Amino acid sequence: MASEEHSIQKKIQVALSQHKCSVFRTNVGKVQTIDHRWFDTGLPQGHFDLYGFRWVDNQVFYIEVKSKTGKPREDQIRFHEFLASHNVIHGIARSVQDALMIVDGSLVGLGFDDYGSDLR
């Protein structure tokens, strides 16, 4: 993850935690162990950077953190389509304000309008 995105992500985690939400950072990918075996995190390809739930109603949310110019990968678009098909709160956050808007507004798919979707 680019350092700008990492900085935004940390700010979002703090803000959501202070906003009566539990929020978790995900690590997705494969790494080779010292004995040359591959270890996979087990999360689906395209899983978003952050997920959590609101304390007030236990609604789950997912947030993909991007810089101002960052674009979602194909696997992230597929994950968005899956979440949207189940009406799950999620979106792309380029700032703390975006993340709060997604969570508080129960938004489904914020920021994905410009990217292809089978749901339209």
C-alpha atoms as a PDB file:
ATOM      1  CA  MET A   1       0.000   0.000   0.000  1.00  0.00           C
ATOM      2  CA  ALA A   2       1.324   3.433  -0.863  1.00  0.00           C
ATOM      3  CA  SER A   3       2.445   5.496   2.103  1.00  0.00           C
ATOM      4  CA  GLU A   4      -0.255   8.123   1.408  1.00  0.00           C
ATOM      5  CA  GLU A   5      -2.926   5.414   1.569  1.00  0.00           C
ATOM      6  CA  HIS A   6      -1.369   3.974   4.723  1.00  0.00           C
ATOM      7  CA  SER A   7      -1.511   7.398   6.388  1.00  0.00           C
ATOM      8  CA  ILE A   8      -5.167   7.855   5.390  1.00  0.00           C
ATOM      9  CA  GLN A   9      -5.950   4.348   6.620  1.00  0.00           C
ATOM     10  CA  LYS A  10      -4.489   4.996  10.067  1.00  0.00           C
ATOM     11  CA  LYS A  11      -6.448   8.258  10.397  1.00  0.00           C
ATOM     12  CA  ILE A  12      -9.660   6.474   9.380  1.00  0.00           C
ATOM     13  CA  GLN A  13      -9.071   3.712  11.945  1.00  0.00           C
ATOM     14  CA  VAL A  14      -8.632   6.270  14.732  1.00  0.00           C
ATOM     15  CA  ALA A  15     -11.642   8.345  13.641  1.00  0.00           C
ATOM     16  CA  LEU A  16     -13.993   5.353  13.366  1.00  0.00           C
ATOM     17  CA  SER A  17     -12.797   3.996  16.720  1.00  0.00           C
ATOM     18  CA  GLN A  18     -13.632   7.361  18.285  1.00  0.00           C
ATOM     19  CA  HIS A  19     -16.972   7.307  16.456  1.00  0.00           C
ATOM     20  CA  LYS A  20     -18.362   4.300  18.351  1.00  0.00           C
ATOM     21  CA  CYS A  21     -17.260   1.710  15.820  1.00  0.00           C
ATOM     22  CA  SER A  22     -14.991  -1.288  16.009  1.00  0.00           C
ATOM     23  CA  VAL A  23     -12.662  -1.365  13.014  1.00  0.00           C
ATOM     24  CA  PHE A  24     -10.115  -3.923  11.878  1.00  0.00           C
ATOM     25  CA  ARG A  25      -7.304  -3.752   9.332  1.00  0.00           C
ATOM     26  CA  THR A  26      -6.964  -6.670   6.942  1.00  0.00           C
ATOM     27  CA  ASN A  27      -3.807  -8.059   5.454  1.00  0.00           C
ATOM     28  CA  VAL A  28      -4.428  -9.800   2.158  1.00  0.00           C
ATOM     29  CA  GLY A  29      -1.909 -11.700   0.111  1.00  0.00           C
ATOM     30  CA  LYS A  30       0.614 -14.497  -0.011  1.00  0.00           C
ATOM     31  CA  VAL A  31       4.095 -14.650   1.418  1.00  0.00           C
ATOM     32  CA  GLN A  32       6.753 -17.293   1.231  1.00  0.00           C
ATOM     33  CA  THR A  33       7.848 -18.704   4.580  1.00  0.00           C
ATOM     34  CA  ILE A  34      11.460 -19.294   5.511  1.00  0.00           C
ATOM     35  CA  ASP A  35      11.053 -22.976   4.587  1.00  0.00           C
ATOM     36  CA  HIS A  36       9.776 -21.945   1.106  1.00  0.00           C
ATOM     37  CA  ARG A  37       6.107 -22.783   1.666  1.00  0.00           C
ATOM     38  CA  TRP A  38       3.475 -20.271   0.567  1.00  0.00           C
ATOM     39  CA  PHE A  39       1.197 -18.814   3.225  1.00  0.00           C
ATOM     40  CA  ASP A  40      -2.124 -17.268   2.154  1.00  0.00           C
ATOM     41  CA  THR A  41      -4.037 -14.991   4.552  1.00  0.00           C
ATOM     42  CA  GLY A  42      -7.233 -16.843   3.730  1.00  0.00           C
ATOM     43  CA  LEU A  43      -9.238 -13.711   2.965  1.00  0.00           C
ATOM     44  CA  PRO A  44     -10.923 -13.486  -0.441  1.00  0.00           C
ATOM     45  CA  GLN A  45      -9.037 -11.758  -3.237  1.00  0.00           C
ATOM     46  CA  GLY A  46     -10.021  -8.110  -3.354  1.00  0.00           C
ATOM     47  CA  HIS A  47     -11.034  -7.953   0.315  1.00  0.00           C
ATOM     48  CA  PHE A  48     -11.059  -4.325   1.429  1.00  0.00           C
ATOM     49  CA  ASP A  49      -8.478  -2.712   3.721  1.00  0.00           C
ATOM     50  CA  LEU A  50     -10.790  -2.141   6.682  1.00  0.00           C
ATOM     51  CA  TYR A  51     -13.938  -3.706   8.050  1.00  0.00           C
ATOM     52  CA  GLY A  52     -15.886  -3.328  11.244  1.00  0.00           C
ATOM     53  CA  PHE A  53     -19.241  -2.628  12.798  1.00  0.00           C
ATOM     54  CA  ARG A  54     -21.188   0.245  14.326  1.00  0.00           C
ATOM     55  CA  TRP A  55     -21.861  -0.153  18.036  1.00  0.00           C
ATOM     56  CA  VAL A  56     -25.280   1.494  17.824  1.00  0.00           C
ATOM     57  CA  ASP A  57     -26.821  -1.232  15.629  1.00  0.00           C
ATOM     58  CA  ASN A  58     -24.029  -3.758  14.938  1.00  0.00           C
ATOM     59  CA  GLN A  59     -24.186  -3.049  11.195  1.00  0.00           C
ATOM     60  CA  VAL A  60     -21.081  -4.313   9.398  1.00  0.00           C
ATOM     61  CA  PHE A  61     -19.139  -2.076   7.013  1.00  0.00           C
ATOM     62  CA  TYR A  62     -16.164  -2.444   4.647  1.00  0.00           C
ATOM     63  CA  ILE A  63     -13.863   0.349   3.505  1.00  0.00           C
ATOM     64  CA  GLU A  64     -11.318   0.325   0.690  1.00  0.00           C
ATOM     65  CA  VAL A  65      -8.762   3.086   1.281  1.00  0.00           C
ATOM     66  CA  LYS A  66      -7.396   4.886  -1.780  1.00  0.00           C
ATOM     67  CA  SER A  67      -5.339   8.006  -2.405  1.00  0.00           C
ATOM     68  CA  LYS A  68      -6.920  10.876  -4.348  1.00  0.00           C
ATOM     69  CA  THR A  69      -5.919   9.214  -7.634  1.00  0.00           C
ATOM     70  CA  GLY A  70      -6.020   5.542  -6.587  1.00  0.00           C
ATOM     71  CA  LYS A  71      -8.275   3.166  -8.506  1.00  0.00           C
ATOM     72  CA  PRO A  72      -9.760  -0.149  -7.397  1.00  0.00           C
ATOM     73  CA  ARG A  73      -8.347  -3.340  -8.881  1.00  0.00           C
ATOM     74  CA  GLU A  74     -10.578  -5.786 -10.747  1.00  0.00           C
ATOM     75  CA  ASP A  75     -10.729  -8.127  -7.737  1.00  0.00           C
ATOM     76  CA  GLN A  76     -11.797  -5.191  -5.532  1.00  0.00           C
ATOM     77  CA  ILE A  77     -14.534  -4.321  -8.022  1.00  0.00           C
ATOM     78  CA  ARG A  78     -15.736  -7.937  -7.873  1.00  0.00           C
ATOM     79  CA  PHE A  79     -15.755  -7.783  -4.045  1.00  0.00           C
ATOM     80  CA  HIS A  80     -17.738  -4.509  -4.280  1.00  0.00           C
ATOM     81  CA  GLU A  81     -20.265  -6.212  -6.574  1.00  0.00           C
ATOM     82  CA  PHE A  82     -20.632  -9.069  -4.090  1.00  0.00           C
ATOM     83  CA  LEU A  83     -21.157  -6.671  -1.164  1.00  0.00           C
ATOM     84  CA  ALA A  84     -23.588  -4.546  -3.190  1.00  0.00           C
ATOM     85  CA  SER A  85     -25.624  -7.623  -4.137  1.00  0.00           C
ATOM     86  CA  HIS A  86     -26.188  -8.181  -0.399  1.00  0.00           C
ATOM     87  CA  ASN A  87     -26.744  -4.478   0.400  1.00  0.00           C
ATOM     88  CA  VAL A  88     -23.696  -4.359   2.703  1.00  0.00           C
ATOM     89  CA  ILE A  89     -22.371  -0.939   3.754  1.00  0.00           C
ATOM     90  CA  HIS A  90     -19.098  -0.300   1.905  1.00  0.00           C
ATOM     91  CA  GLY A  91     -17.196   2.097  -0.283  1.00  0.00           C
ATOM     92  CA  ILE A  92     -13.943   3.754  -1.253  1.00  0.00           C
ATOM     93  CA  ALA A  93     -12.629   6.272   1.274  1.00  0.00           C
ATOM     94  CA  ARG A  94     -10.032   8.815   0.228  1.00  0.00           C
ATOM     95  CA  SER A  95     -10.341  10.678   3.542  1.00  0.00           C
ATOM     96  CA  VAL A  96     -11.687  10.388   7.075  1.00  0.00           C
ATOM     97  CA  GLN A  97     -14.745  12.340   5.911  1.00  0.00           C
ATOM     98  CA  ASP A  98     -15.461   9.744   3.196  1.00  0.00           C
ATOM     99  CA  ALA A  99     -15.226   6.900   5.716  1.00  0.00           C
ATOM    100  CA  LEU A 100     -17.580   8.630   8.162  1.00  0.00           C
ATOM    101  CA  MET A 101     -19.994   9.374   5.323  1.00  0.00           C
ATOM    102  CA  ILE A 102     -20.024   5.689   4.292  1.00  0.00           C
ATOM    103  CA  VAL A 103     -20.558   4.426   7.828  1.00  0.00           C
ATOM    104  CA  ASP A 104     -22.998   7.094   9.080  1.00  0.00           C
ATOM    105  CA  GLY A 105     -24.992   7.160   5.851  1.00  0.00           C
ATOM    106  CA  SER A 106     -25.179   3.361   5.496  1.00  0.00           C
ATOM    107  CA  LEU A 107     -23.913   3.880   1.956  1.00  0.00           C
ATOM    108  CA  VAL A 108     -23.512   0.941  -0.395  1.00  0.00           C
ATOM    109  CA  GLY A 109     -20.750   1.330  -2.973  1.00  0.00           C
ATOM    110  CA  LEU A 110     -19.623   4.936  -2.538  1.00  0.00           C
ATOM    111  CA  GLY A 111     -16.834   5.672  -5.014  1.00  0.00           C
ATOM    112  CA  PHE A 112     -17.457   2.706  -7.308  1.00  0.00           C
ATOM    113  CA  ASP A 113     -19.772   4.553  -9.741  1.00  0.00           C
ATOM    114  CA  ASP A 114     -16.987   5.147 -12.259  1.00  0.00           C
ATOM    115  CA  TYR A 115     -15.971   1.508 -12.407  1.00  0.00           C
ATOM    116  CA  GLY A 116     -17.751  -1.275 -14.268  1.00  0.00           C
ATOM    117  CA  SER A 117     -20.365  -3.232 -12.424  1.00  0.00           C
ATOM    118  CA  ASP A 118     -22.599  -6.125 -13.392  1.00  0.00           C
ATOM    119  CA  LEU A 119     -25.265  -4.750 -11.050  1.00  0.00           C
ATOM    120  CA  ARG A 120     -26.312  -1.780 -13.176  1.00  0.00           C
END
